Amino acid sequence: MSQSPLFLRARDEVVSLHEFFVAWYDKKTAATTDIDRFERVMGPGMKMIPPSGHMLERDAVVSYVRGSRAAFDGDYAIEIADVEPVWEAGNAIVVTYIEKQERRGVKTARRASALFVESSSAPNGVEWRHLHETWMQTAE
């Protein structure tokens, strides 16, 4: 089955953004990691529902990420898996993916659904408009 150009851009954005997080949160690379990349892809009106179930507005998400710079010392990793298209119409797409994290030896996993809209100013040509995450059980 062929994949649409919009899906390929959204998939690349999911991977790229999480690579940014690893660099931003690590003390060794945080000083040379540019937050502008993150802020450019968080679209206007962007909302996030983390596993806690709270609704976060764009400004709260950006503020949290800014405030968490260099929070880890080489003990933070993210793996992205199973990025799949769910719905696509015009310049918008919904994808799902699994995000596996390891923080100071503790492993977690979450399934996410994300809505992207095309944006010529974004690094991968799409910006995040909505993100919903839920915890998954992990095998230790």
Protein backbone atom coordinates (compact mmCIF):
# COMPACT_ATOMS: atom_id res chain seq x y z
CA MET A 1 0.00 0.00 0.00
CA SER A 2 1.44 3.38 -0.95
CA GLN A 3 1.77 6.06 1.69
CA SER A 4 0.69 9.62 1.04
CA PRO A 5 3.22 12.45 1.04
CA LEU A 6 1.31 14.03 3.95
CA PHE A 7 1.61 10.84 6.00
CA LEU A 8 5.34 10.62 5.28
CA ARG A 9 5.83 14.20 6.48
CA ALA A 10 3.76 13.55 9.62
CA ARG A 11 5.69 10.34 10.35
CA ASP A 12 9.00 12.18 9.93
CA GLU A 13 7.75 14.93 12.24
CA VAL A 14 6.83 12.46 15.00
CA VAL A 15 10.32 10.95 14.86
CA SER A 16 12.10 14.33 14.55
CA LEU A 17 10.24 15.93 17.43
CA HIS A 18 11.10 13.08 19.77
CA GLU A 19 14.75 13.28 18.71
CA PHE A 20 14.56 16.95 19.68
CA PHE A 21 13.18 16.00 23.12
CA VAL A 22 16.06 13.61 23.79
CA ALA A 23 18.60 16.30 22.85
CA TRP A 24 16.75 19.09 24.72
CA TYR A 25 16.38 17.11 27.94
CA ASP A 26 19.98 15.82 28.05
CA LYS A 27 22.54 17.95 29.92
CA LYS A 28 25.23 17.14 27.36
CA THR A 29 23.27 18.38 24.32
CA ALA A 30 20.72 20.85 25.71
CA ALA A 31 22.96 23.92 25.28
CA THR A 32 23.29 23.31 21.54
CA THR A 33 19.65 22.33 20.93
CA ASP A 34 17.38 25.05 19.58
CA ILE A 35 13.89 25.38 21.10
CA ASP A 36 12.74 27.34 18.02
CA ARG A 37 12.34 24.05 16.15
CA PHE A 38 9.84 22.89 18.79
CA GLU A 39 7.93 26.16 18.94
CA ARG A 40 7.59 26.32 15.13
CA VAL A 41 5.83 22.96 14.97
CA MET A 42 3.38 23.61 17.80
CA GLY A 43 0.58 25.10 15.71
CA PRO A 44 -1.78 27.86 16.79
CA GLY A 45 -4.47 26.55 19.10
CA MET A 46 -2.54 23.31 19.65
CA LYS A 47 -3.88 21.21 22.53
CA MET A 48 -2.43 18.21 24.31
CA ILE A 49 -4.03 15.59 26.52
CA PRO A 50 -1.23 13.77 28.37
CA PRO A 51 -1.84 10.40 30.06
CA SER A 52 -3.05 12.28 33.18
CA GLY A 53 -6.13 13.34 31.21
CA HIS A 54 -5.60 17.09 31.71
CA MET A 55 -6.16 19.39 28.74
CA LEU A 56 -3.09 21.53 28.07
CA GLU A 57 -3.09 24.57 25.82
CA ARG A 58 -0.14 25.31 23.52
CA ASP A 59 1.42 27.86 25.90
CA ALA A 60 1.42 25.36 28.79
CA VAL A 61 3.05 22.69 26.60
CA VAL A 62 5.75 25.10 25.40
CA SER A 63 6.34 26.37 28.93
CA TYR A 64 6.72 22.83 30.29
CA VAL A 65 9.23 21.86 27.61
CA ARG A 66 11.20 25.09 28.08
CA GLY A 67 11.35 24.51 31.83
CA SER A 68 12.55 20.91 31.50
CA ARG A 69 15.73 21.69 29.57
CA ALA A 70 18.73 19.57 30.64
CA ALA A 71 16.64 17.60 33.16
CA PHE A 72 18.50 14.34 32.49
CA ASP A 73 22.12 13.27 32.48
CA GLY A 74 22.32 10.70 29.69
CA ASP A 75 19.57 8.63 31.30
CA TYR A 76 16.65 9.49 29.02
CA ALA A 77 15.69 7.77 25.77
CA ILE A 78 12.68 7.62 23.47
CA GLU A 79 11.77 5.04 20.85
CA ILE A 80 8.95 5.68 18.37
CA ALA A 81 7.19 2.69 16.80
CA ASP A 82 4.16 1.79 14.69
CA VAL A 83 3.41 5.19 13.18
CA GLU A 84 0.21 4.64 11.19
CA PRO A 85 -2.24 6.87 9.33
CA VAL A 86 -5.79 6.89 10.71
CA TRP A 87 -7.56 9.60 8.73
CA GLU A 88 -6.56 12.10 6.05
CA ALA A 89 -8.45 14.83 4.23
CA GLY A 90 -7.12 17.84 2.36
CA ASN A 91 -4.22 19.31 4.33
CA ALA A 92 -4.88 17.43 7.60
CA ILE A 93 -4.01 13.97 8.88
CA VAL A 94 -4.40 11.95 12.07
CA VAL A 95 -1.70 9.43 12.91
CA THR A 96 -1.17 7.05 15.80
CA TYR A 97 2.14 5.88 17.21
CA ILE A 98 3.71 4.23 20.22
CA GLU A 99 6.22 6.16 22.30
CA LYS A 100 8.49 4.14 24.57
CA GLN A 101 10.50 6.10 27.12
CA GLU A 102 13.21 5.19 29.54
CA ARG A 103 13.84 7.74 32.30
CA ARG A 104 16.55 6.96 34.82
CA GLY A 105 15.99 3.25 34.24
CA VAL A 106 12.18 3.36 34.44
CA LYS A 107 10.44 2.20 31.25
CA THR A 108 7.05 3.49 30.17
CA ALA A 109 5.00 3.32 27.00
CA ARG A 110 2.16 5.39 25.69
CA ARG A 111 -0.02 5.25 22.60
CA ALA A 112 -0.63 8.59 20.98
CA SER A 113 -2.99 10.03 18.39
CA ALA A 114 -1.90 13.25 16.74
CA LEU A 115 -3.58 15.66 14.35
CA PHE A 116 -1.27 17.43 11.91
CA VAL A 117 -1.97 20.25 9.46
CA GLU A 118 0.29 21.18 6.56
CA SER A 119 2.54 24.16 7.21
CA SER A 120 5.14 25.44 4.78
CA SER A 121 7.10 27.05 7.63
CA ALA A 122 7.47 23.84 9.68
CA PRO A 123 10.65 21.74 9.33
CA ASN A 124 8.80 18.66 8.02
CA GLY A 125 5.96 20.58 6.38
CA VAL A 126 3.40 19.83 9.12
CA GLU A 127 2.52 21.29 12.49
CA TRP A 128 0.97 19.65 15.55
CA ARG A 129 -2.61 20.73 16.30
CA HIS A 130 -3.78 18.06 18.75
CA LEU A 131 -2.05 15.30 20.69
CA HIS A 132 -3.72 12.70 22.91
CA GLU A 133 -1.62 10.18 24.85
CA THR A 134 -2.63 7.21 26.97
CA TRP A 135 -0.52 4.85 29.10
CA MET A 136 0.18 1.32 27.91
CA GLN A 137 1.30 -1.60 30.01
CA THR A 138 4.98 -2.39 29.55
CA ALA A 139 6.83 -5.67 29.95
CA GLU A 140 9.79 -5.13 32.26
